[in-house]
N, C-alpha and C. Protein backbone atom coordinates (compact mmCIF):
# COMPACT_ATOMS: atom_id res chain seq x y z
N UNK A 1 238.67 0.96 75.96
CA UNK A 1 238.44 1.82 74.81
C UNK A 1 237.37 1.19 73.92
N UNK A 2 236.51 2.02 73.34
CA UNK A 2 235.42 1.52 72.49
C UNK A 2 235.93 1.20 71.09
N UNK A 3 235.28 0.22 70.51
CA UNK A 3 235.58 -0.08 69.11
C UNK A 3 234.98 1.01 68.24
N UNK A 4 235.49 1.15 67.04
CA UNK A 4 235.05 2.21 66.14
C UNK A 4 233.55 2.12 65.84
N UNK A 5 233.02 0.93 65.57
CA UNK A 5 231.59 0.77 65.28
C UNK A 5 230.74 1.20 66.46
N UNK A 6 231.19 0.87 67.66
CA UNK A 6 230.44 1.22 68.86
C UNK A 6 230.37 2.75 69.01
N UNK A 7 231.47 3.42 68.73
CA UNK A 7 231.51 4.88 68.80
C UNK A 7 230.56 5.49 67.78
N UNK A 8 230.56 4.95 66.56
CA UNK A 8 229.67 5.47 65.51
C UNK A 8 228.21 5.32 65.93
N UNK A 9 227.84 4.15 66.44
CA UNK A 9 226.46 3.92 66.87
C UNK A 9 226.06 4.88 68.00
N UNK A 10 226.95 5.10 68.96
CA UNK A 10 226.67 6.01 70.07
C UNK A 10 226.44 7.43 69.57
N UNK A 11 227.29 7.89 68.66
CA UNK A 11 227.17 9.28 68.19
C UNK A 11 225.87 9.48 67.41
N UNK A 12 225.46 8.47 66.64
CA UNK A 12 224.21 8.60 65.88
C UNK A 12 223.02 8.69 66.83
N UNK A 13 223.07 7.94 67.93
CA UNK A 13 221.97 7.94 68.88
C UNK A 13 221.95 9.21 69.73
N UNK A 14 223.07 9.92 69.78
CA UNK A 14 223.20 11.08 70.66
C UNK A 14 222.86 12.40 69.98
N UNK A 15 222.31 12.37 68.78
CA UNK A 15 221.92 13.61 68.10
C UNK A 15 220.45 13.91 68.34
N UNK A 16 220.14 15.19 68.52
CA UNK A 16 218.76 15.63 68.58
C UNK A 16 218.55 16.63 67.45
N UNK A 17 217.36 16.64 66.90
CA UNK A 17 217.04 17.58 65.83
C UNK A 17 216.03 18.56 66.38
N UNK A 18 216.31 19.84 66.21
CA UNK A 18 215.52 20.90 66.82
C UNK A 18 215.04 21.91 65.79
N UNK A 19 213.83 22.42 66.01
CA UNK A 19 213.35 23.59 65.27
C UNK A 19 213.72 24.79 66.14
N UNK A 20 214.46 25.72 65.57
CA UNK A 20 214.92 26.89 66.31
C UNK A 20 214.01 28.07 65.98
N UNK A 21 213.47 28.69 67.03
CA UNK A 21 212.61 29.85 66.84
C UNK A 21 213.06 30.97 67.76
N UNK A 22 212.68 32.18 67.39
CA UNK A 22 213.00 33.35 68.21
C UNK A 22 211.76 33.85 68.90
N UNK A 23 211.97 34.33 70.11
CA UNK A 23 210.90 34.85 70.93
C UNK A 23 211.52 35.89 71.85
N UNK A 24 211.08 37.13 71.72
CA UNK A 24 211.61 38.22 72.53
C UNK A 24 213.14 38.25 72.50
N UNK A 25 213.70 38.13 71.31
CA UNK A 25 215.14 38.22 71.05
C UNK A 25 215.96 37.09 71.68
N UNK A 26 215.31 36.02 72.09
CA UNK A 26 215.99 34.83 72.59
C UNK A 26 215.75 33.70 71.60
N UNK A 27 216.67 32.73 71.57
CA UNK A 27 216.51 31.58 70.69
C UNK A 27 216.07 30.37 71.51
N UNK A 28 215.03 29.70 71.02
CA UNK A 28 214.48 28.53 71.68
C UNK A 28 214.51 27.35 70.72
N UNK A 29 214.70 26.17 71.26
CA UNK A 29 214.69 24.95 70.46
C UNK A 29 213.54 24.06 70.87
N UNK A 30 212.86 23.50 69.88
CA UNK A 30 211.75 22.57 70.10
C UNK A 30 212.11 21.28 69.37
N UNK A 31 211.98 20.17 70.07
CA UNK A 31 212.26 18.86 69.47
C UNK A 31 211.40 18.71 68.21
N UNK A 32 212.03 18.43 67.09
CA UNK A 32 211.33 18.38 65.81
C UNK A 32 210.27 17.29 65.78
N UNK A 33 210.43 16.26 66.59
CA UNK A 33 209.44 15.18 66.60
C UNK A 33 208.08 15.66 67.12
N UNK A 34 208.04 16.80 67.82
CA UNK A 34 206.80 17.34 68.36
C UNK A 34 206.12 18.31 67.37
N UNK A 35 206.87 18.76 66.36
CA UNK A 35 206.38 19.77 65.42
C UNK A 35 205.65 19.09 64.27
N UNK A 36 204.39 19.47 64.11
CA UNK A 36 203.59 18.93 63.00
C UNK A 36 203.84 19.76 61.74
N UNK A 37 203.81 21.08 61.90
CA UNK A 37 204.09 21.98 60.78
C UNK A 37 204.32 23.39 61.30
N UNK A 38 204.79 24.24 60.41
CA UNK A 38 205.02 25.66 60.72
C UNK A 38 204.26 26.45 59.68
N UNK A 39 203.39 27.38 60.14
CA UNK A 39 202.54 28.12 59.20
C UNK A 39 202.63 29.62 59.46
N UNK A 40 202.28 30.38 58.43
CA UNK A 40 202.09 31.83 58.61
C UNK A 40 200.86 32.03 59.49
N UNK A 41 200.75 33.18 60.10
CA UNK A 41 199.64 33.42 61.02
C UNK A 41 198.39 33.82 60.23
N UNK A 42 197.36 32.96 60.28
CA UNK A 42 196.09 33.30 59.62
C UNK A 42 195.25 34.15 60.57
N UNK A 43 194.02 34.43 60.17
CA UNK A 43 193.11 35.12 61.07
C UNK A 43 192.82 34.22 62.27
N UNK A 44 192.93 34.81 63.46
CA UNK A 44 192.69 34.06 64.69
C UNK A 44 191.37 34.51 65.28
N UNK A 45 190.47 33.56 65.56
CA UNK A 45 189.17 33.86 66.15
C UNK A 45 189.34 33.91 67.67
N UNK A 46 188.99 35.04 68.24
CA UNK A 46 189.12 35.23 69.70
C UNK A 46 188.03 34.44 70.42
N UNK A 47 188.36 33.92 71.58
CA UNK A 47 187.42 33.18 72.42
C UNK A 47 187.34 33.93 73.75
N UNK A 48 186.13 34.25 74.21
CA UNK A 48 186.01 34.97 75.49
C UNK A 48 186.31 34.07 76.68
N UNK A 49 186.74 34.68 77.76
CA UNK A 49 186.94 34.05 79.06
C UNK A 49 187.90 32.86 79.02
N UNK A 50 189.04 33.06 78.36
CA UNK A 50 190.11 32.07 78.36
C UNK A 50 191.34 32.71 79.02
N UNK A 51 192.31 31.93 79.44
CA UNK A 51 193.53 32.52 80.00
C UNK A 51 194.14 33.54 79.04
N UNK A 52 194.79 34.55 79.60
CA UNK A 52 195.30 35.68 78.81
C UNK A 52 196.29 35.30 77.71
N UNK A 53 196.98 34.19 77.85
CA UNK A 53 197.97 33.80 76.85
C UNK A 53 197.38 33.03 75.67
N UNK A 54 196.09 32.69 75.74
CA UNK A 54 195.46 31.99 74.62
C UNK A 54 194.90 33.03 73.66
N UNK A 55 195.45 33.05 72.45
CA UNK A 55 195.06 34.03 71.44
C UNK A 55 193.68 33.74 70.86
N UNK A 56 193.34 32.46 70.77
CA UNK A 56 192.07 32.06 70.17
C UNK A 56 192.25 30.75 69.43
N UNK A 57 191.47 30.61 68.35
CA UNK A 57 191.50 29.38 67.56
C UNK A 57 191.66 29.71 66.08
N UNK A 58 192.21 28.75 65.35
CA UNK A 58 192.31 28.89 63.90
C UNK A 58 191.70 27.65 63.26
N UNK A 59 191.34 27.79 61.99
CA UNK A 59 190.86 26.68 61.19
C UNK A 59 192.04 26.21 60.36
N UNK A 60 192.53 25.01 60.66
CA UNK A 60 193.66 24.46 59.93
C UNK A 60 193.17 23.25 59.14
N UNK A 61 192.90 23.47 57.85
CA UNK A 61 192.39 22.42 56.96
C UNK A 61 191.19 21.70 57.55
N UNK A 62 190.26 22.48 58.08
CA UNK A 62 189.01 21.92 58.60
C UNK A 62 189.04 21.54 60.06
N UNK A 63 190.20 21.59 60.69
CA UNK A 63 190.32 21.27 62.11
C UNK A 63 190.48 22.54 62.93
N UNK A 64 189.89 22.54 64.12
CA UNK A 64 190.01 23.70 65.02
C UNK A 64 191.26 23.53 65.87
N UNK A 65 192.15 24.52 65.83
CA UNK A 65 193.42 24.45 66.55
C UNK A 65 193.52 25.64 67.50
N UNK A 66 193.63 25.40 68.82
CA UNK A 66 193.85 26.50 69.74
C UNK A 66 195.26 27.06 69.56
N UNK A 67 195.40 28.38 69.74
CA UNK A 67 196.68 29.04 69.54
C UNK A 67 197.05 29.81 70.81
N UNK A 68 198.27 29.55 71.29
CA UNK A 68 198.74 30.32 72.44
C UNK A 68 199.84 31.27 71.99
N UNK A 69 199.96 32.36 72.72
CA UNK A 69 201.05 33.29 72.51
C UNK A 69 202.14 32.90 73.50
N UNK A 70 203.21 32.33 73.01
CA UNK A 70 204.24 31.79 73.88
C UNK A 70 204.92 32.89 74.71
N UNK A 71 205.12 34.07 74.13
CA UNK A 71 205.73 35.17 74.89
C UNK A 71 204.84 35.56 76.07
N UNK A 72 203.55 35.68 75.84
CA UNK A 72 202.61 36.01 76.91
C UNK A 72 202.59 34.90 77.95
N UNK A 73 202.60 33.66 77.50
CA UNK A 73 202.59 32.50 78.41
C UNK A 73 203.79 32.54 79.34
N UNK A 74 204.94 32.97 78.81
CA UNK A 74 206.17 33.01 79.59
C UNK A 74 206.38 34.34 80.31
N UNK A 75 205.50 35.32 80.07
CA UNK A 75 205.66 36.61 80.70
C UNK A 75 206.79 37.44 80.10
N UNK A 76 207.11 37.20 78.83
CA UNK A 76 208.17 37.95 78.15
C UNK A 76 207.57 39.15 77.42
N UNK A 77 208.39 40.15 77.20
CA UNK A 77 207.91 41.31 76.43
C UNK A 77 207.66 40.84 75.00
N UNK A 78 206.64 41.43 74.39
CA UNK A 78 206.26 41.01 73.04
C UNK A 78 205.73 42.22 72.29
N UNK A 79 206.29 42.48 71.13
CA UNK A 79 205.92 43.66 70.36
C UNK A 79 204.83 43.39 69.33
N UNK A 80 204.23 42.22 69.35
CA UNK A 80 203.21 41.89 68.36
C UNK A 80 203.80 41.06 67.24
N UNK A 81 202.95 40.74 66.28
CA UNK A 81 203.39 39.88 65.18
C UNK A 81 203.74 40.72 63.96
N UNK A 82 204.56 40.14 63.09
CA UNK A 82 204.93 40.79 61.83
C UNK A 82 205.04 39.71 60.75
N UNK A 83 205.61 40.06 59.60
CA UNK A 83 205.71 39.11 58.49
C UNK A 83 206.57 37.89 58.80
N UNK A 84 207.48 38.01 59.78
CA UNK A 84 208.33 36.88 60.16
C UNK A 84 207.69 35.96 61.19
N UNK A 85 206.64 36.42 61.84
CA UNK A 85 205.98 35.63 62.89
C UNK A 85 205.36 34.37 62.28
N UNK A 86 205.37 33.31 63.08
CA UNK A 86 204.84 32.03 62.63
C UNK A 86 204.07 31.37 63.75
N UNK A 87 203.26 30.39 63.37
CA UNK A 87 202.64 29.49 64.33
C UNK A 87 203.31 28.15 64.16
N UNK A 88 203.89 27.64 65.24
CA UNK A 88 204.46 26.30 65.25
C UNK A 88 203.35 25.38 65.74
N UNK A 89 202.89 24.50 64.87
CA UNK A 89 201.80 23.59 65.20
C UNK A 89 202.42 22.32 65.79
N UNK A 90 201.99 21.99 67.00
CA UNK A 90 202.56 20.86 67.75
C UNK A 90 201.53 19.77 67.95
N UNK A 91 202.00 18.55 68.04
CA UNK A 91 201.15 17.43 68.43
C UNK A 91 201.59 16.98 69.81
N UNK A 92 200.65 17.02 70.76
CA UNK A 92 200.93 16.61 72.12
C UNK A 92 199.87 15.57 72.48
N UNK A 93 200.22 14.32 72.33
CA UNK A 93 199.23 13.26 72.49
C UNK A 93 198.17 13.41 71.41
N UNK A 94 196.90 13.50 71.82
CA UNK A 94 195.80 13.69 70.87
C UNK A 94 195.54 15.15 70.56
N UNK A 95 196.22 16.04 71.26
CA UNK A 95 195.98 17.47 71.12
C UNK A 95 196.89 18.07 70.05
N UNK A 96 196.30 18.90 69.19
CA UNK A 96 197.06 19.70 68.24
C UNK A 96 196.90 21.13 68.70
N UNK A 97 198.00 21.84 68.88
CA UNK A 97 197.98 23.21 69.39
C UNK A 97 199.01 24.03 68.64
N UNK A 98 198.74 25.32 68.47
CA UNK A 98 199.67 26.21 67.80
C UNK A 98 200.30 27.18 68.80
N UNK A 99 201.58 27.47 68.59
CA UNK A 99 202.29 28.45 69.41
C UNK A 99 202.79 29.57 68.51
N UNK A 100 202.45 30.81 68.86
CA UNK A 100 202.96 31.95 68.09
C UNK A 100 204.38 32.24 68.54
N UNK A 101 205.29 32.35 67.57
CA UNK A 101 206.67 32.73 67.83
C UNK A 101 207.03 33.90 66.90
N UNK A 102 208.06 34.64 67.27
CA UNK A 102 208.47 35.80 66.46
C UNK A 102 209.00 35.38 65.10
N UNK A 103 209.73 34.27 65.05
CA UNK A 103 210.21 33.73 63.78
C UNK A 103 210.73 32.32 64.00
N UNK A 104 210.82 31.58 62.91
CA UNK A 104 211.48 30.29 62.91
C UNK A 104 212.71 30.46 62.04
N UNK A 105 213.89 30.17 62.60
CA UNK A 105 215.12 30.49 61.89
C UNK A 105 215.79 29.31 61.21
N UNK A 106 215.68 28.11 61.80
CA UNK A 106 216.38 26.98 61.20
C UNK A 106 215.96 25.67 61.86
N UNK A 107 216.36 24.59 61.20
CA UNK A 107 216.29 23.25 61.79
C UNK A 107 217.75 22.85 62.01
N UNK A 108 218.03 22.37 63.21
CA UNK A 108 219.42 22.17 63.62
C UNK A 108 219.59 20.79 64.25
N UNK A 109 220.67 20.11 63.90
CA UNK A 109 221.05 18.87 64.58
C UNK A 109 222.11 19.21 65.60
N UNK A 110 221.91 18.69 66.82
CA UNK A 110 222.83 19.00 67.89
C UNK A 110 223.17 17.73 68.65
N UNK A 111 224.41 17.59 69.02
CA UNK A 111 224.83 16.47 69.85
C UNK A 111 224.33 16.68 71.26
N UNK A 112 223.88 15.60 71.90
CA UNK A 112 223.43 15.69 73.28
C UNK A 112 224.56 16.14 74.21
N UNK A 113 225.81 15.94 73.77
CA UNK A 113 226.96 16.41 74.54
C UNK A 113 226.95 17.92 74.72
N UNK A 114 226.32 18.63 73.78
CA UNK A 114 226.29 20.10 73.82
C UNK A 114 225.08 20.64 74.56
N UNK A 115 224.35 19.76 75.24
CA UNK A 115 223.17 20.19 76.00
C UNK A 115 223.44 20.01 77.48
N UNK A 116 223.23 21.08 78.23
CA UNK A 116 223.41 21.04 79.68
C UNK A 116 222.07 21.30 80.34
N UNK A 117 221.94 20.85 81.59
CA UNK A 117 220.71 21.13 82.31
C UNK A 117 220.60 22.63 82.54
N UNK A 118 219.37 23.10 82.68
CA UNK A 118 219.12 24.54 82.82
C UNK A 118 219.56 25.03 84.18
N UNK A 119 220.24 26.17 84.22
CA UNK A 119 220.57 26.76 85.52
C UNK A 119 219.31 27.27 86.20
N UNK A 120 219.39 27.47 87.52
CA UNK A 120 218.20 27.90 88.27
C UNK A 120 217.63 29.22 87.76
N UNK A 121 218.48 30.14 87.42
CA UNK A 121 217.99 31.43 86.93
C UNK A 121 218.37 31.53 85.46
N UNK A 122 217.36 31.69 84.63
CA UNK A 122 217.58 31.80 83.19
C UNK A 122 217.41 33.26 82.79
N UNK A 123 218.36 33.76 82.00
CA UNK A 123 218.36 35.16 81.61
C UNK A 123 217.09 35.58 80.89
N UNK A 124 216.46 34.69 80.15
CA UNK A 124 215.27 35.05 79.38
C UNK A 124 214.05 35.27 80.26
N UNK A 125 214.07 34.81 81.50
CA UNK A 125 212.92 34.98 82.37
C UNK A 125 211.92 33.84 82.27
N UNK A 126 212.18 32.83 81.46
CA UNK A 126 211.29 31.69 81.32
C UNK A 126 211.52 30.79 82.54
N UNK A 127 210.45 30.36 83.15
CA UNK A 127 210.56 29.49 84.32
C UNK A 127 211.35 28.23 83.99
N UNK A 128 212.22 27.83 84.90
CA UNK A 128 213.07 26.67 84.69
C UNK A 128 212.26 25.41 84.41
N UNK A 129 211.06 25.31 84.96
CA UNK A 129 210.27 24.09 84.76
C UNK A 129 209.87 23.88 83.30
N UNK A 130 209.90 24.93 82.47
CA UNK A 130 209.55 24.80 81.06
C UNK A 130 210.77 24.50 80.19
N UNK A 131 211.91 24.38 80.80
CA UNK A 131 213.16 24.23 80.04
C UNK A 131 213.76 22.85 80.24
N UNK A 132 214.01 22.18 79.13
CA UNK A 132 214.62 20.86 79.15
C UNK A 132 216.13 20.95 79.31
N UNK A 133 216.70 22.04 78.82
CA UNK A 133 218.15 22.23 78.92
C UNK A 133 218.57 23.44 78.11
N UNK A 134 219.88 23.66 78.08
CA UNK A 134 220.45 24.76 77.30
C UNK A 134 221.47 24.15 76.35
N UNK A 135 221.27 24.42 75.07
CA UNK A 135 222.17 23.90 74.05
C UNK A 135 223.21 24.94 73.67
N UNK A 136 224.44 24.46 73.47
CA UNK A 136 225.53 25.34 73.06
C UNK A 136 225.91 25.02 71.62
N UNK A 137 225.79 26.03 70.75
CA UNK A 137 226.18 25.90 69.35
C UNK A 137 227.12 27.05 69.06
N UNK A 138 228.40 26.74 68.96
CA UNK A 138 229.44 27.76 68.80
C UNK A 138 229.28 28.80 69.91
N UNK A 139 229.00 30.04 69.57
CA UNK A 139 228.86 31.11 70.58
C UNK A 139 227.41 31.31 71.03
N UNK A 140 226.49 30.55 70.46
CA UNK A 140 225.06 30.72 70.76
C UNK A 140 224.62 29.80 71.89
N UNK A 141 223.63 30.28 72.65
CA UNK A 141 222.96 29.46 73.64
C UNK A 141 221.51 29.33 73.23
N UNK A 142 221.01 28.10 73.18
CA UNK A 142 219.63 27.83 72.78
C UNK A 142 218.88 27.28 73.99
N UNK A 143 217.75 27.86 74.31
CA UNK A 143 216.93 27.39 75.40
C UNK A 143 216.02 26.30 74.84
N UNK A 144 216.18 25.07 75.32
CA UNK A 144 215.43 23.94 74.80
C UNK A 144 214.16 23.76 75.62
N UNK A 145 213.03 23.90 74.96
CA UNK A 145 211.74 23.88 75.66
C UNK A 145 211.27 22.46 75.96
N UNK A 146 210.64 22.31 77.11
CA UNK A 146 210.00 21.06 77.51
C UNK A 146 208.52 21.20 77.17
N UNK A 147 208.15 20.78 75.99
CA UNK A 147 206.78 20.95 75.48
C UNK A 147 205.77 20.27 76.40
N UNK A 148 206.11 19.10 76.94
CA UNK A 148 205.17 18.41 77.83
C UNK A 148 204.88 19.24 79.08
N UNK A 149 205.89 19.89 79.62
CA UNK A 149 205.69 20.69 80.83
C UNK A 149 204.88 21.95 80.51
N UNK A 150 205.13 22.56 79.36
CA UNK A 150 204.38 23.76 78.98
C UNK A 150 202.90 23.43 78.88
N UNK A 151 202.59 22.25 78.35
CA UNK A 151 201.20 21.84 78.18
C UNK A 151 200.87 20.71 79.15
N UNK A 152 201.10 20.94 80.42
CA UNK A 152 200.80 19.92 81.43
C UNK A 152 199.31 19.58 81.41
N UNK A 153 198.92 18.59 82.13
CA UNK A 153 197.57 18.00 82.01
C UNK A 153 196.44 19.02 82.12
N UNK A 154 196.47 19.92 83.11
CA UNK A 154 195.33 20.85 83.21
C UNK A 154 195.30 21.83 82.05
N UNK A 155 196.44 22.14 81.50
CA UNK A 155 196.46 23.02 80.32
C UNK A 155 195.87 22.29 79.13
N UNK A 156 196.16 21.00 79.02
CA UNK A 156 195.58 20.22 77.93
C UNK A 156 194.06 20.21 78.03
N UNK A 157 193.56 20.08 79.24
CA UNK A 157 192.11 20.10 79.42
C UNK A 157 191.53 21.45 79.02
N UNK A 158 192.17 22.55 79.42
CA UNK A 158 191.70 23.88 79.05
C UNK A 158 191.67 24.03 77.53
N UNK A 159 192.74 23.60 76.86
CA UNK A 159 192.82 23.74 75.41
C UNK A 159 191.82 22.82 74.72
N UNK A 160 191.59 21.63 75.25
CA UNK A 160 190.56 20.75 74.67
C UNK A 160 189.19 21.40 74.78
N UNK A 161 188.91 22.08 75.90
CA UNK A 161 187.63 22.78 76.06
C UNK A 161 187.49 23.89 75.04
N UNK A 162 188.58 24.57 74.73
CA UNK A 162 188.54 25.64 73.71
C UNK A 162 188.24 25.04 72.35
N UNK A 163 188.89 23.90 72.04
CA UNK A 163 188.60 23.25 70.75
C UNK A 163 187.10 22.94 70.66
N UNK A 164 186.53 22.41 71.74
CA UNK A 164 185.11 22.06 71.75
C UNK A 164 184.25 23.29 71.62
N UNK A 165 184.60 24.37 72.35
CA UNK A 165 183.80 25.60 72.34
C UNK A 165 183.86 26.28 70.97
N UNK A 166 184.98 26.11 70.27
CA UNK A 166 185.15 26.81 69.01
C UNK A 166 184.63 26.06 67.81
N UNK A 167 184.18 24.85 68.00
CA UNK A 167 183.70 24.06 66.87
C UNK A 167 182.48 24.73 66.25
N UNK A 168 182.55 24.94 64.96
CA UNK A 168 181.48 25.61 64.23
C UNK A 168 180.89 24.61 63.25
N UNK A 169 179.58 24.44 63.24
CA UNK A 169 178.98 23.49 62.30
C UNK A 169 179.30 23.87 60.86
N UNK A 170 179.54 22.86 60.04
CA UNK A 170 179.89 23.10 58.63
C UNK A 170 178.72 23.62 57.84
C-alpha cells in the first residue's frame, strides 16, 4: 500500500489541463500547454493553391499566422463561422498556427485515469491517428486531439511555405 504523500504526488502528476472546444457538435480537448491564445476570427487573407482546409493567413500583432479550418481538415460537416467561432492559436515547435473551431467552451482539469485510448471507429468521423484518447467527464466524452499528428512534418513544411508566401513588406 502507498503512503499518503506518495498518493498525493501521483495524483498531482496525473492531471492534464485541456482547452475544450466544439466542432461539428462534438467536443474536443487540446492540451493547454500547446495553446498560445484564443482569439475572435479577424479578416483572413486567402492564399491561392493551398490545400482545401487552409483558410489563409492572419496578421497577429505583426506576425503572419496560417489558419486551418479544423472541420474541413477532418472532413466534418461545417456550417460556417458565427459570433461563437474562435481561432485557437497553437505553438508547434517554431511554428505558430491557428485552428478555426465552432466555439471554445472551457478549460478543464482531468485525471489521466479518465482518459482511454481511442477506439478504432470514432463516432465523430475524425481519423484515429489524430486522436490521443477519449476523456470521460461525468456523462460527456471528449475527443483529445494529438496536435503533433495533425501537424505532422510535411504539414509543417506546407504551413511554413504559406507563412513565407504571405509575408507582406511593412
